[in-house]
C-alpha cells in the first residue's frame, strides 16, 4: 500500500508540474514541490527512482533545488542509471557548469549503451552536442 501511495503522489506531482508549469514558477511553495517532498518522505531507502523523479520536478520548476540536488546525489549513490545521470547533467547544464554536465552526459551515454537504451542514448547525445 505504501508503494501505491508513493506512486500515486509522484504521478500526481508529475502531472501537476507539467499542467501548471507557469503558475508553479510564481509559487515558491508549489503543490508539485510539496508532492515531490512527500513522495521522497514515503519512499523506501533504496528507491532511487522516486529520488530522481522528485529532483527532476524541482529542477524543472527551479524550486527547492538545493534539496533536489541532494536527492539526485542520493539516487546516484544507490544506482547510476541513464535517467538519473541525465537529470544531474541537465541540472548542471542549466546552471552553466558545462564541463561537469558533459561528464554526467557521457556517463549516461555509457550507462545507456550497457542497458541497450538506444532512443534514450540518442537524446542524451543530442544534449551533449548542444553543450559545445
N, C-alpha and C. Protein backbone atom coordinates (compact mmCIF):
# COMPACT_ATOMS: atom_id res chain seq x y z
N UNK A 1 0.82 -1.19 0.00
CA UNK A 1 0.00 0.00 0.00
C UNK A 1 0.87 1.26 0.00
N UNK A 2 1.99 1.20 0.76
CA UNK A 2 2.88 2.35 0.82
C UNK A 2 3.45 2.66 -0.55
N UNK A 3 3.79 1.62 -1.32
CA UNK A 3 4.32 1.82 -2.67
C UNK A 3 3.27 2.42 -3.58
N UNK A 4 2.02 1.98 -3.43
CA UNK A 4 0.94 2.51 -4.25
C UNK A 4 0.71 3.99 -3.93
N UNK A 5 0.72 4.34 -2.65
CA UNK A 5 0.57 5.75 -2.26
C UNK A 5 1.71 6.59 -2.83
N UNK A 6 2.92 6.07 -2.71
CA UNK A 6 4.09 6.79 -3.20
C UNK A 6 3.99 6.99 -4.71
N UNK A 7 3.58 5.96 -5.43
CA UNK A 7 3.44 6.06 -6.87
C UNK A 7 2.37 7.08 -7.23
N UNK A 8 1.24 7.05 -6.53
CA UNK A 8 0.16 7.99 -6.81
C UNK A 8 0.61 9.43 -6.57
N UNK A 9 1.31 9.67 -5.49
CA UNK A 9 1.78 11.01 -5.17
C UNK A 9 2.75 11.50 -6.23
N UNK A 10 3.66 10.64 -6.64
CA UNK A 10 4.64 11.03 -7.65
C UNK A 10 3.98 11.26 -9.01
N UNK A 11 3.04 10.40 -9.39
CA UNK A 11 2.33 10.59 -10.66
C UNK A 11 1.55 11.89 -10.65
N UNK A 12 0.91 12.18 -9.53
CA UNK A 12 0.17 13.42 -9.41
C UNK A 12 1.09 14.62 -9.48
N UNK A 13 2.24 14.54 -8.84
CA UNK A 13 3.20 15.64 -8.87
C UNK A 13 3.70 15.89 -10.28
N UNK A 14 3.99 14.83 -11.01
CA UNK A 14 4.45 14.99 -12.39
C UNK A 14 3.37 15.62 -13.26
N UNK A 15 2.13 15.16 -13.07
CA UNK A 15 1.03 15.71 -13.84
C UNK A 15 0.85 17.19 -13.54
N UNK A 16 0.85 17.53 -12.26
CA UNK A 16 0.68 18.92 -11.87
C UNK A 16 1.83 19.79 -12.34
N UNK A 17 3.03 19.25 -12.30
CA UNK A 17 4.19 20.06 -12.69
C UNK A 17 4.12 20.47 -14.15
N UNK A 18 3.62 19.59 -15.00
CA UNK A 18 3.53 19.94 -16.41
C UNK A 18 2.25 20.70 -16.73
N UNK A 19 1.17 20.39 -16.03
CA UNK A 19 -0.10 21.06 -16.30
C UNK A 19 -0.11 22.49 -15.80
N UNK A 20 0.63 22.75 -14.72
CA UNK A 20 0.60 24.09 -14.14
C UNK A 20 1.99 24.69 -14.05
N UNK A 21 2.80 24.42 -15.05
CA UNK A 21 4.19 24.85 -15.02
C UNK A 21 4.32 26.36 -14.80
N UNK A 22 3.58 27.16 -15.52
CA UNK A 22 3.74 28.61 -15.40
C UNK A 22 3.29 29.12 -14.05
N UNK A 23 2.20 28.58 -13.49
CA UNK A 23 1.76 29.06 -12.18
C UNK A 23 2.69 28.59 -11.07
N UNK A 24 3.30 27.41 -11.25
CA UNK A 24 4.24 26.92 -10.25
C UNK A 24 5.48 27.81 -10.15
N UNK A 25 5.88 28.41 -11.27
CA UNK A 25 7.07 29.26 -11.26
C UNK A 25 6.87 30.47 -10.35
N UNK A 26 5.66 30.93 -10.22
CA UNK A 26 5.36 32.09 -9.38
C UNK A 26 5.14 31.71 -7.92
N UNK A 27 4.99 30.45 -7.62
CA UNK A 27 4.65 29.99 -6.28
C UNK A 27 5.83 29.23 -5.68
N UNK A 28 6.57 29.86 -4.73
CA UNK A 28 7.73 29.18 -4.16
C UNK A 28 7.38 27.93 -3.36
N UNK A 29 6.15 27.78 -2.97
CA UNK A 29 5.72 26.59 -2.23
C UNK A 29 4.73 25.79 -3.06
N UNK A 30 5.04 25.60 -4.31
CA UNK A 30 4.11 24.96 -5.24
C UNK A 30 3.69 23.57 -4.77
N UNK A 31 2.51 23.20 -5.20
CA UNK A 31 1.98 21.88 -4.87
C UNK A 31 2.86 20.78 -5.41
N UNK A 32 3.40 20.98 -6.60
CA UNK A 32 4.25 19.94 -7.21
C UNK A 32 5.48 19.66 -6.36
N UNK A 33 6.09 20.71 -5.85
CA UNK A 33 7.27 20.53 -5.00
C UNK A 33 6.88 19.89 -3.68
N UNK A 34 5.77 20.31 -3.13
CA UNK A 34 5.29 19.69 -1.88
C UNK A 34 5.04 18.21 -2.08
N UNK A 35 4.46 17.85 -3.22
CA UNK A 35 4.19 16.45 -3.51
C UNK A 35 5.47 15.67 -3.76
N UNK A 36 6.44 16.31 -4.38
CA UNK A 36 7.74 15.65 -4.58
C UNK A 36 8.39 15.36 -3.23
N UNK A 37 8.33 16.35 -2.32
CA UNK A 37 8.89 16.15 -0.98
C UNK A 37 8.18 15.00 -0.27
N UNK A 38 6.86 14.95 -0.41
CA UNK A 38 6.08 13.89 0.23
C UNK A 38 6.43 12.52 -0.35
N UNK A 39 6.62 12.47 -1.66
CA UNK A 39 6.99 11.20 -2.31
C UNK A 39 8.33 10.70 -1.78
N UNK A 40 9.28 11.61 -1.62
CA UNK A 40 10.60 11.22 -1.10
C UNK A 40 10.46 10.74 0.34
N UNK A 41 9.63 11.44 1.10
CA UNK A 41 9.44 11.06 2.50
C UNK A 41 8.84 9.66 2.63
N UNK A 42 7.97 9.29 1.69
CA UNK A 42 7.32 7.97 1.73
C UNK A 42 8.14 6.88 1.05
N UNK A 43 9.18 7.27 0.35
CA UNK A 43 9.97 6.31 -0.43
C UNK A 43 10.78 5.38 0.46
N UNK A 44 11.02 4.20 -0.06
CA UNK A 44 11.91 3.25 0.59
C UNK A 44 13.34 3.80 0.51
N UNK A 45 14.22 3.42 1.43
CA UNK A 45 15.58 3.96 1.43
C UNK A 45 16.37 3.69 0.15
N UNK A 46 16.03 2.63 -0.57
CA UNK A 46 16.77 2.30 -1.80
C UNK A 46 16.02 2.69 -3.07
N UNK A 47 15.02 3.53 -2.96
CA UNK A 47 14.18 3.92 -4.09
C UNK A 47 14.82 5.07 -4.86
N UNK A 48 15.77 4.72 -5.70
CA UNK A 48 16.50 5.73 -6.47
C UNK A 48 15.62 6.40 -7.52
N UNK A 49 14.57 5.73 -7.97
CA UNK A 49 13.70 6.30 -8.99
C UNK A 49 12.88 7.46 -8.43
N UNK A 50 12.27 7.28 -7.27
CA UNK A 50 11.49 8.36 -6.66
C UNK A 50 12.37 9.55 -6.36
N UNK A 51 13.58 9.31 -5.87
CA UNK A 51 14.51 10.41 -5.61
C UNK A 51 14.81 11.17 -6.89
N UNK A 52 15.08 10.45 -7.97
CA UNK A 52 15.41 11.10 -9.25
C UNK A 52 14.20 11.85 -9.81
N UNK A 53 13.03 11.24 -9.78
CA UNK A 53 11.84 11.90 -10.31
C UNK A 53 11.50 13.16 -9.52
N UNK A 54 11.62 13.09 -8.22
CA UNK A 54 11.32 14.25 -7.37
C UNK A 54 12.33 15.36 -7.61
N UNK A 55 13.59 15.00 -7.77
CA UNK A 55 14.62 16.00 -8.08
C UNK A 55 14.32 16.65 -9.43
N UNK A 56 13.93 15.84 -10.40
CA UNK A 56 13.64 16.38 -11.73
C UNK A 56 12.52 17.42 -11.67
N UNK A 57 11.48 17.14 -10.91
CA UNK A 57 10.37 18.10 -10.78
C UNK A 57 10.89 19.42 -10.23
N UNK A 58 11.68 19.35 -9.18
CA UNK A 58 12.20 20.58 -8.57
C UNK A 58 13.12 21.33 -9.52
N UNK A 59 13.96 20.61 -10.24
CA UNK A 59 14.86 21.26 -11.19
C UNK A 59 14.07 21.94 -12.30
N UNK A 60 13.03 21.27 -12.81
CA UNK A 60 12.22 21.85 -13.87
C UNK A 60 11.52 23.12 -13.41
N UNK A 61 11.07 23.11 -12.16
CA UNK A 61 10.35 24.26 -11.61
C UNK A 61 11.27 25.31 -11.02
N UNK A 62 12.56 24.97 -10.94
CA UNK A 62 13.56 25.85 -10.34
C UNK A 62 13.19 26.24 -8.91
N UNK A 63 12.73 25.25 -8.17
CA UNK A 63 12.37 25.40 -6.76
C UNK A 63 13.01 24.27 -5.97
N UNK A 64 13.36 24.55 -4.74
CA UNK A 64 13.87 23.52 -3.84
C UNK A 64 15.09 22.81 -4.45
N UNK A 65 15.88 23.55 -5.20
CA UNK A 65 16.97 22.93 -5.95
C UNK A 65 18.09 22.39 -5.07
N UNK A 66 18.30 23.02 -3.93
CA UNK A 66 19.36 22.52 -3.05
C UNK A 66 19.01 21.13 -2.53
N UNK A 67 17.77 20.96 -2.08
CA UNK A 67 17.35 19.64 -1.61
C UNK A 67 17.27 18.66 -2.77
N UNK A 68 16.83 19.14 -3.92
CA UNK A 68 16.75 18.28 -5.10
C UNK A 68 18.13 17.77 -5.51
N UNK A 69 19.13 18.61 -5.37
CA UNK A 69 20.49 18.20 -5.67
C UNK A 69 20.92 17.07 -4.72
N UNK A 70 20.53 17.18 -3.48
CA UNK A 70 20.80 16.12 -2.52
C UNK A 70 20.08 14.83 -2.92
N UNK A 71 18.84 14.97 -3.37
CA UNK A 71 18.07 13.79 -3.78
C UNK A 71 18.71 13.10 -4.99
N UNK A 72 19.13 13.89 -5.98
CA UNK A 72 19.70 13.26 -7.18
C UNK A 72 21.04 12.60 -6.84
N UNK A 73 21.78 13.21 -5.93
CA UNK A 73 23.04 12.58 -5.50
C UNK A 73 22.77 11.28 -4.74
N UNK A 74 21.74 11.27 -3.90
CA UNK A 74 21.36 10.04 -3.20
C UNK A 74 20.96 8.96 -4.20
N UNK A 75 20.17 9.37 -5.19
CA UNK A 75 19.74 8.43 -6.23
C UNK A 75 20.94 7.82 -6.94
N UNK A 76 21.90 8.67 -7.30
CA UNK A 76 23.10 8.19 -7.98
C UNK A 76 23.94 7.29 -7.08
N UNK A 77 23.96 7.57 -5.80
CA UNK A 77 24.72 6.72 -4.87
C UNK A 77 24.09 5.34 -4.74
N UNK A 78 22.77 5.27 -4.89
CA UNK A 78 22.09 3.97 -4.81
C UNK A 78 22.34 3.17 -6.09
N UNK A 79 22.10 3.82 -7.24
CA UNK A 79 22.30 3.15 -8.53
C UNK A 79 22.38 4.20 -9.63
N UNK A 80 23.44 4.14 -10.40
CA UNK A 80 23.57 5.04 -11.54
C UNK A 80 22.84 4.44 -12.73
N UNK A 81 21.91 5.23 -13.27
CA UNK A 81 21.16 4.83 -14.45
C UNK A 81 21.24 5.95 -15.48
N UNK A 82 20.92 5.66 -16.73
CA UNK A 82 20.91 6.75 -17.71
C UNK A 82 19.98 7.89 -17.28
N UNK A 83 18.86 7.53 -16.68
CA UNK A 83 17.86 8.51 -16.27
C UNK A 83 18.40 9.48 -15.21
N UNK A 84 18.90 8.96 -14.10
CA UNK A 84 19.34 9.87 -13.04
C UNK A 84 20.63 10.60 -13.41
N UNK A 85 21.47 9.97 -14.21
CA UNK A 85 22.68 10.67 -14.69
C UNK A 85 22.29 11.83 -15.60
N UNK A 86 21.29 11.61 -16.44
CA UNK A 86 20.83 12.67 -17.34
C UNK A 86 20.20 13.83 -16.55
N UNK A 87 19.44 13.52 -15.52
CA UNK A 87 18.84 14.57 -14.70
C UNK A 87 19.92 15.42 -14.05
N UNK A 88 20.94 14.79 -13.51
CA UNK A 88 22.03 15.54 -12.90
C UNK A 88 22.73 16.40 -13.95
N UNK A 89 22.97 15.83 -15.12
CA UNK A 89 23.62 16.58 -16.20
C UNK A 89 22.76 17.76 -16.65
N UNK A 90 21.45 17.53 -16.77
CA UNK A 90 20.54 18.61 -17.17
C UNK A 90 20.61 19.76 -16.18
N UNK A 91 20.61 19.44 -14.88
CA UNK A 91 20.68 20.49 -13.87
C UNK A 91 22.01 21.25 -13.98
N UNK A 92 23.10 20.52 -14.09
CA UNK A 92 24.41 21.17 -14.20
C UNK A 92 24.49 22.06 -15.44
N UNK A 93 23.92 21.59 -16.55
CA UNK A 93 23.90 22.41 -17.77
C UNK A 93 23.07 23.67 -17.54
N UNK A 94 21.97 23.53 -16.81
CA UNK A 94 21.08 24.68 -16.58
C UNK A 94 21.73 25.76 -15.72
N UNK A 95 22.70 25.38 -14.90
CA UNK A 95 23.38 26.38 -14.07
C UNK A 95 24.72 26.80 -14.68
N UNK A 96 24.97 26.33 -15.90
CA UNK A 96 26.16 26.77 -16.63
C UNK A 96 27.43 25.99 -16.40
N UNK A 97 27.34 24.87 -15.69
CA UNK A 97 28.54 24.06 -15.45
C UNK A 97 28.67 23.04 -16.58
N UNK A 98 29.09 23.50 -17.75
CA UNK A 98 29.15 22.66 -18.94
C UNK A 98 30.14 21.51 -18.81
N UNK A 99 31.23 21.74 -18.14
CA UNK A 99 32.25 20.71 -18.01
C UNK A 99 31.73 19.52 -17.21
N UNK A 100 31.15 19.79 -16.05
CA UNK A 100 30.62 18.71 -15.22
C UNK A 100 29.39 18.09 -15.88
N UNK A 101 28.56 18.91 -16.53
CA UNK A 101 27.40 18.38 -17.25
C UNK A 101 27.85 17.41 -18.32
N UNK A 102 28.90 17.77 -19.04
CA UNK A 102 29.44 16.90 -20.09
C UNK A 102 29.85 15.55 -19.49
N UNK A 103 30.51 15.58 -18.34
CA UNK A 103 30.92 14.33 -17.70
C UNK A 103 29.72 13.44 -17.37
N UNK A 104 28.66 14.05 -16.84
CA UNK A 104 27.48 13.27 -16.49
C UNK A 104 26.74 12.77 -17.74
N UNK A 105 26.67 13.59 -18.78
CA UNK A 105 26.06 13.12 -20.03
C UNK A 105 26.84 11.94 -20.60
N UNK A 106 28.18 12.02 -20.56
CA UNK A 106 28.99 10.90 -21.05
C UNK A 106 28.75 9.63 -20.23
N UNK A 107 28.65 9.78 -18.92
CA UNK A 107 28.34 8.62 -18.07
C UNK A 107 26.97 8.05 -18.42
N UNK A 108 26.01 8.94 -18.71
CA UNK A 108 24.66 8.50 -19.07
C UNK A 108 24.67 7.75 -20.40
N UNK A 109 25.45 8.24 -21.36
CA UNK A 109 25.57 7.55 -22.65
C UNK A 109 26.14 6.16 -22.44
N UNK A 110 27.18 6.05 -21.65
CA UNK A 110 27.78 4.74 -21.39
C UNK A 110 26.81 3.82 -20.67
N UNK A 111 26.07 4.36 -19.71
CA UNK A 111 25.09 3.55 -18.99
C UNK A 111 23.97 3.12 -19.92
N UNK A 112 23.57 3.99 -20.84
CA UNK A 112 22.52 3.63 -21.80
C UNK A 112 23.02 2.56 -22.76
N UNK A 113 24.29 2.65 -23.16
CA UNK A 113 24.87 1.61 -24.03
C UNK A 113 24.82 0.25 -23.35
N UNK A 114 25.16 0.24 -22.07
CA UNK A 114 25.18 -1.01 -21.32
C UNK A 114 23.79 -1.61 -21.17
N UNK A 115 22.78 -0.75 -21.10
CA UNK A 115 21.43 -1.26 -20.90
C UNK A 115 20.61 -1.29 -22.19
N UNK A 116 21.26 -1.05 -23.33
CA UNK A 116 20.62 -1.11 -24.66
C UNK A 116 19.43 -0.17 -24.79
N UNK A 117 19.57 1.05 -24.30
CA UNK A 117 18.51 2.05 -24.43
C UNK A 117 18.86 3.02 -25.55
N UNK A 118 18.70 2.58 -26.77
CA UNK A 118 19.14 3.36 -27.93
C UNK A 118 18.45 4.72 -28.04
N UNK A 119 17.15 4.77 -27.87
CA UNK A 119 16.45 6.05 -28.01
C UNK A 119 16.86 7.01 -26.91
N UNK A 120 17.02 6.50 -25.72
CA UNK A 120 17.47 7.33 -24.60
C UNK A 120 18.87 7.85 -24.89
N UNK A 121 19.71 6.98 -25.39
CA UNK A 121 21.09 7.32 -25.71
C UNK A 121 21.15 8.43 -26.76
N UNK A 122 20.30 8.35 -27.75
CA UNK A 122 20.27 9.36 -28.81
C UNK A 122 19.92 10.74 -28.24
N UNK A 123 18.94 10.80 -27.36
CA UNK A 123 18.55 12.07 -26.74
C UNK A 123 19.68 12.65 -25.90
N UNK A 124 20.35 11.80 -25.16
CA UNK A 124 21.47 12.25 -24.33
C UNK A 124 22.60 12.77 -25.22
N UNK A 125 22.88 12.07 -26.30
CA UNK A 125 23.94 12.52 -27.21
C UNK A 125 23.60 13.87 -27.81
N UNK A 126 22.32 14.10 -28.13
CA UNK A 126 21.91 15.41 -28.64
C UNK A 126 22.15 16.50 -27.60
N UNK A 127 21.85 16.22 -26.36
CA UNK A 127 22.08 17.20 -25.30
C UNK A 127 23.58 17.46 -25.13
N UNK A 128 24.34 16.42 -25.22
CA UNK A 128 25.80 16.54 -25.09
C UNK A 128 26.36 17.44 -26.20
N UNK A 129 25.90 17.24 -27.41
CA UNK A 129 26.36 18.06 -28.53
C UNK A 129 25.92 19.51 -28.39
N UNK A 130 24.78 19.74 -27.78
CA UNK A 130 24.30 21.11 -27.63
C UNK A 130 25.12 21.91 -26.64
N UNK A 131 25.90 21.25 -25.81
CA UNK A 131 26.75 21.95 -24.84
C UNK A 131 27.95 22.59 -25.50
N UNK A 132 28.32 22.15 -26.66
CA UNK A 132 29.53 22.64 -27.34
C UNK A 132 29.34 24.00 -27.90
